Amino acid sequence: MVANLTEASRDHIKDEHFAFPKERKMPIHDAAHIRNAIARFNQVKDVTVEERDRAWSRIKAAAKKHNVEMNEESWHQLNKTK
């Protein structure tokens, strides 16, 4: 279960701890939020394919750091695993 972030606590998260730092979308600062980012990745709107690629790389790095198992190598596989 992902803890709800208050606006104040979200404001204290560094940009590099978001999958999409420019937009400050999808915090990936802990294991629960990483799993949530993976589950909801395809719901993000108004980002380019290149931004998705960079975001996926950030999610993979965060998952490795926080020991979160990922079954997908690419975000393109997300719809195929459901």
N, C-alpha and C. Protein backbone atom coordinates (compact mmCIF):
# COMPACT_ATOMS: atom_id res chain seq x y z
N MET A 1 0.84 -1.18 0.00
CA MET A 1 0.00 0.00 0.00
C MET A 1 0.89 1.25 0.00
N VAL A 2 0.54 2.20 -0.81
CA VAL A 2 1.30 3.43 -0.92
C VAL A 2 0.73 4.47 0.03
N ALA A 3 1.61 5.04 0.84
CA ALA A 3 1.17 6.10 1.74
C ALA A 3 0.88 7.35 0.93
N ASN A 4 -0.21 8.02 1.26
CA ASN A 4 -0.53 9.27 0.59
C ASN A 4 0.49 10.32 0.99
N LEU A 5 0.97 11.05 0.00
CA LEU A 5 1.91 12.12 0.26
C LEU A 5 1.14 13.43 0.39
N THR A 6 1.41 14.15 1.45
CA THR A 6 0.84 15.48 1.55
C THR A 6 1.59 16.38 0.59
N GLU A 7 1.02 17.49 0.24
CA GLU A 7 1.69 18.43 -0.65
C GLU A 7 3.02 18.88 -0.05
N ALA A 8 3.03 19.10 1.24
CA ALA A 8 4.27 19.56 1.90
C ALA A 8 5.35 18.48 1.84
N SER A 9 4.98 17.22 2.11
CA SER A 9 6.00 16.17 2.07
C SER A 9 6.44 15.90 0.63
N ARG A 10 5.55 16.03 -0.32
CA ARG A 10 5.89 15.86 -1.73
C ARG A 10 6.87 16.95 -2.17
N ASP A 11 6.67 18.15 -1.67
CA ASP A 11 7.56 19.27 -2.01
C ASP A 11 8.98 19.04 -1.53
N HIS A 12 9.17 18.21 -0.50
CA HIS A 12 10.50 17.95 0.03
C HIS A 12 11.23 16.82 -0.71
N ILE A 13 10.56 16.16 -1.62
CA ILE A 13 11.20 15.10 -2.40
C ILE A 13 12.03 15.76 -3.50
N LYS A 14 13.27 15.35 -3.61
CA LYS A 14 14.15 15.91 -4.64
C LYS A 14 13.66 15.49 -6.02
N ASP A 15 13.91 16.37 -7.00
CA ASP A 15 13.47 16.10 -8.37
C ASP A 15 13.96 14.75 -8.88
N GLU A 16 15.20 14.37 -8.53
CA GLU A 16 15.74 13.11 -9.04
C GLU A 16 15.05 11.88 -8.45
N HIS A 17 14.17 12.09 -7.49
CA HIS A 17 13.41 10.98 -6.92
C HIS A 17 11.99 10.88 -7.49
N PHE A 18 11.84 11.41 -8.70
CA PHE A 18 10.61 11.27 -9.46
C PHE A 18 10.95 10.58 -10.77
N ALA A 19 10.07 9.74 -11.25
CA ALA A 19 10.29 9.10 -12.55
C ALA A 19 10.31 10.17 -13.65
N PHE A 20 9.45 11.15 -13.53
CA PHE A 20 9.39 12.26 -14.47
C PHE A 20 9.72 13.54 -13.69
N PRO A 21 11.00 13.85 -13.51
CA PRO A 21 11.38 14.97 -12.63
C PRO A 21 10.93 16.33 -13.12
N LYS A 22 10.94 16.56 -14.41
CA LYS A 22 10.53 17.87 -14.94
C LYS A 22 9.07 18.16 -14.57
N GLU A 23 8.24 17.15 -14.66
CA GLU A 23 6.81 17.27 -14.35
C GLU A 23 6.52 16.97 -12.88
N ARG A 24 7.53 16.43 -12.17
CA ARG A 24 7.39 15.96 -10.79
C ARG A 24 6.24 14.97 -10.67
N LYS A 25 6.25 14.00 -11.61
CA LYS A 25 5.26 12.94 -11.62
C LYS A 25 5.91 11.64 -11.17
N MET A 26 5.19 10.86 -10.44
CA MET A 26 5.56 9.53 -9.99
C MET A 26 6.79 9.52 -9.08
N PRO A 27 6.59 9.78 -7.80
CA PRO A 27 7.72 9.68 -6.87
C PRO A 27 8.24 8.24 -6.81
N ILE A 28 9.55 8.10 -6.75
CA ILE A 28 10.19 6.78 -6.70
C ILE A 28 11.25 6.77 -5.60
N HIS A 29 10.91 7.35 -4.47
CA HIS A 29 11.86 7.48 -3.37
C HIS A 29 11.84 6.31 -2.40
N ASP A 30 10.89 5.39 -2.54
CA ASP A 30 10.86 4.21 -1.68
C ASP A 30 10.21 3.06 -2.45
N ALA A 31 10.30 1.86 -1.90
CA ALA A 31 9.85 0.66 -2.59
C ALA A 31 8.37 0.71 -2.95
N ALA A 32 7.53 1.17 -2.04
CA ALA A 32 6.09 1.22 -2.31
C ALA A 32 5.78 2.14 -3.48
N HIS A 33 6.43 3.29 -3.52
CA HIS A 33 6.18 4.23 -4.61
C HIS A 33 6.77 3.73 -5.93
N ILE A 34 7.83 2.98 -5.88
CA ILE A 34 8.40 2.39 -7.10
C ILE A 34 7.41 1.38 -7.68
N ARG A 35 6.88 0.51 -6.85
CA ARG A 35 5.89 -0.47 -7.32
C ARG A 35 4.67 0.24 -7.89
N ASN A 36 4.24 1.31 -7.25
CA ASN A 36 3.11 2.09 -7.74
C ASN A 36 3.43 2.74 -9.09
N ALA A 37 4.64 3.27 -9.23
CA ALA A 37 5.04 3.90 -10.49
C ALA A 37 5.03 2.88 -11.63
N ILE A 38 5.46 1.67 -11.36
CA ILE A 38 5.45 0.62 -12.38
C ILE A 38 4.00 0.30 -12.76
N ALA A 39 3.16 0.13 -11.77
CA ALA A 39 1.76 -0.24 -12.01
C ALA A 39 1.00 0.83 -12.78
N ARG A 40 1.33 2.07 -12.55
CA ARG A 40 0.58 3.18 -13.16
C ARG A 40 1.33 3.87 -14.30
N PHE A 41 2.43 3.31 -14.72
CA PHE A 41 3.29 3.96 -15.71
C PHE A 41 2.55 4.37 -16.97
N ASN A 42 1.71 3.50 -17.48
CA ASN A 42 0.99 3.79 -18.73
C ASN A 42 -0.14 4.81 -18.56
N GLN A 43 -0.41 5.23 -17.34
CA GLN A 43 -1.45 6.23 -17.10
C GLN A 43 -0.93 7.66 -17.22
N VAL A 44 0.38 7.83 -17.30
CA VAL A 44 0.95 9.17 -17.39
C VAL A 44 0.65 9.77 -18.75
N LYS A 45 0.16 10.98 -18.74
CA LYS A 45 -0.22 11.69 -19.97
C LYS A 45 0.77 12.81 -20.26
N ASP A 46 0.77 13.26 -21.51
CA ASP A 46 1.52 14.44 -21.92
C ASP A 46 3.02 14.33 -21.72
N VAL A 47 3.58 13.17 -22.00
CA VAL A 47 5.04 13.00 -22.00
C VAL A 47 5.43 12.31 -23.30
N THR A 48 6.64 12.57 -23.76
CA THR A 48 7.12 11.98 -25.00
C THR A 48 7.63 10.55 -24.77
N VAL A 49 7.86 9.85 -25.86
CA VAL A 49 8.45 8.51 -25.78
C VAL A 49 9.83 8.59 -25.13
N GLU A 50 10.59 9.60 -25.49
CA GLU A 50 11.92 9.78 -24.92
C GLU A 50 11.85 10.02 -23.41
N GLU A 51 10.88 10.81 -22.98
CA GLU A 51 10.70 11.04 -21.55
C GLU A 51 10.30 9.75 -20.84
N ARG A 52 9.47 8.94 -21.49
CA ARG A 52 9.11 7.64 -20.91
C ARG A 52 10.33 6.73 -20.79
N ASP A 53 11.18 6.74 -21.82
CA ASP A 53 12.40 5.92 -21.77
C ASP A 53 13.28 6.35 -20.59
N ARG A 54 13.47 7.65 -20.43
CA ARG A 54 14.30 8.15 -19.32
C ARG A 54 13.65 7.84 -17.97
N ALA A 55 12.33 7.99 -17.90
CA ALA A 55 11.62 7.69 -16.66
C ALA A 55 11.77 6.21 -16.30
N TRP A 56 11.66 5.34 -17.30
CA TRP A 56 11.79 3.91 -17.05
C TRP A 56 13.19 3.58 -16.53
N SER A 57 14.19 4.25 -17.09
CA SER A 57 15.56 4.04 -16.61
C SER A 57 15.68 4.46 -15.15
N ARG A 58 15.05 5.57 -14.78
CA ARG A 58 15.09 6.02 -13.39
C ARG A 58 14.37 5.03 -12.48
N ILE A 59 13.24 4.51 -12.94
CA ILE A 59 12.50 3.52 -12.15
C ILE A 59 13.34 2.27 -11.96
N LYS A 60 13.98 1.80 -13.02
CA LYS A 60 14.82 0.60 -12.90
C LYS A 60 15.96 0.81 -11.91
N ALA A 61 16.60 1.97 -11.97
CA ALA A 61 17.70 2.26 -11.05
C ALA A 61 17.19 2.33 -9.61
N ALA A 62 16.04 2.97 -9.40
CA ALA A 62 15.46 3.07 -8.06
C ALA A 62 15.05 1.68 -7.56
N ALA A 63 14.50 0.86 -8.45
CA ALA A 63 14.10 -0.50 -8.05
C ALA A 63 15.32 -1.31 -7.60
N LYS A 64 16.39 -1.19 -8.33
CA LYS A 64 17.62 -1.89 -7.95
C LYS A 64 18.10 -1.41 -6.58
N LYS A 65 18.10 -0.11 -6.38
CA LYS A 65 18.56 0.48 -5.11
C LYS A 65 17.71 0.02 -3.93
N HIS A 66 16.38 -0.10 -4.15
CA HIS A 66 15.46 -0.45 -3.07
C HIS A 66 15.05 -1.93 -3.10
N ASN A 67 15.76 -2.73 -3.89
CA ASN A 67 15.50 -4.18 -3.96
C ASN A 67 14.07 -4.52 -4.35
N VAL A 68 13.55 -3.81 -5.35
CA VAL A 68 12.21 -4.08 -5.87
C VAL A 68 12.38 -4.91 -7.14
N GLU A 69 11.77 -6.08 -7.15
CA GLU A 69 11.86 -6.96 -8.32
C GLU A 69 11.00 -6.42 -9.46
N MET A 70 11.61 -6.39 -10.63
CA MET A 70 10.88 -5.96 -11.84
C MET A 70 10.90 -7.11 -12.83
N ASN A 71 9.74 -7.42 -13.41
CA ASN A 71 9.66 -8.47 -14.41
C ASN A 71 9.88 -7.94 -15.83
N GLU A 72 9.67 -6.65 -16.02
CA GLU A 72 9.76 -6.05 -17.35
C GLU A 72 11.11 -5.37 -17.51
N GLU A 73 11.71 -5.56 -18.67
CA GLU A 73 12.94 -4.85 -19.01
C GLU A 73 12.63 -3.48 -19.59
N SER A 74 11.49 -3.36 -20.25
CA SER A 74 11.10 -2.14 -20.94
C SER A 74 9.67 -1.79 -20.58
N TRP A 75 9.36 -0.50 -20.60
CA TRP A 75 7.98 -0.09 -20.33
C TRP A 75 7.05 -0.55 -21.43
N HIS A 76 7.60 -0.89 -22.59
CA HIS A 76 6.77 -1.40 -23.70
C HIS A 76 6.16 -2.76 -23.36
N GLN A 77 6.74 -3.45 -22.42
CA GLN A 77 6.24 -4.77 -22.01
C GLN A 77 5.09 -4.70 -21.02
N LEU A 78 4.78 -3.55 -20.50
CA LEU A 78 3.79 -3.44 -19.44
C LEU A 78 2.42 -3.96 -19.87
N ASN A 79 1.94 -3.59 -21.02
CA ASN A 79 0.62 -4.07 -21.47
C ASN A 79 0.64 -5.54 -21.82
N LYS A 80 1.79 -6.07 -22.16
CA LYS A 80 1.90 -7.47 -22.56
C LYS A 80 1.92 -8.42 -21.39
N THR A 81 2.21 -7.91 -20.17
CA THR A 81 2.28 -8.80 -19.02
C THR A 81 0.96 -8.90 -18.28
N LYS A 82 -0.01 -8.13 -18.67
CA LYS A 82 -1.31 -8.14 -17.97
C LYS A 82 -2.23 -9.16 -18.59
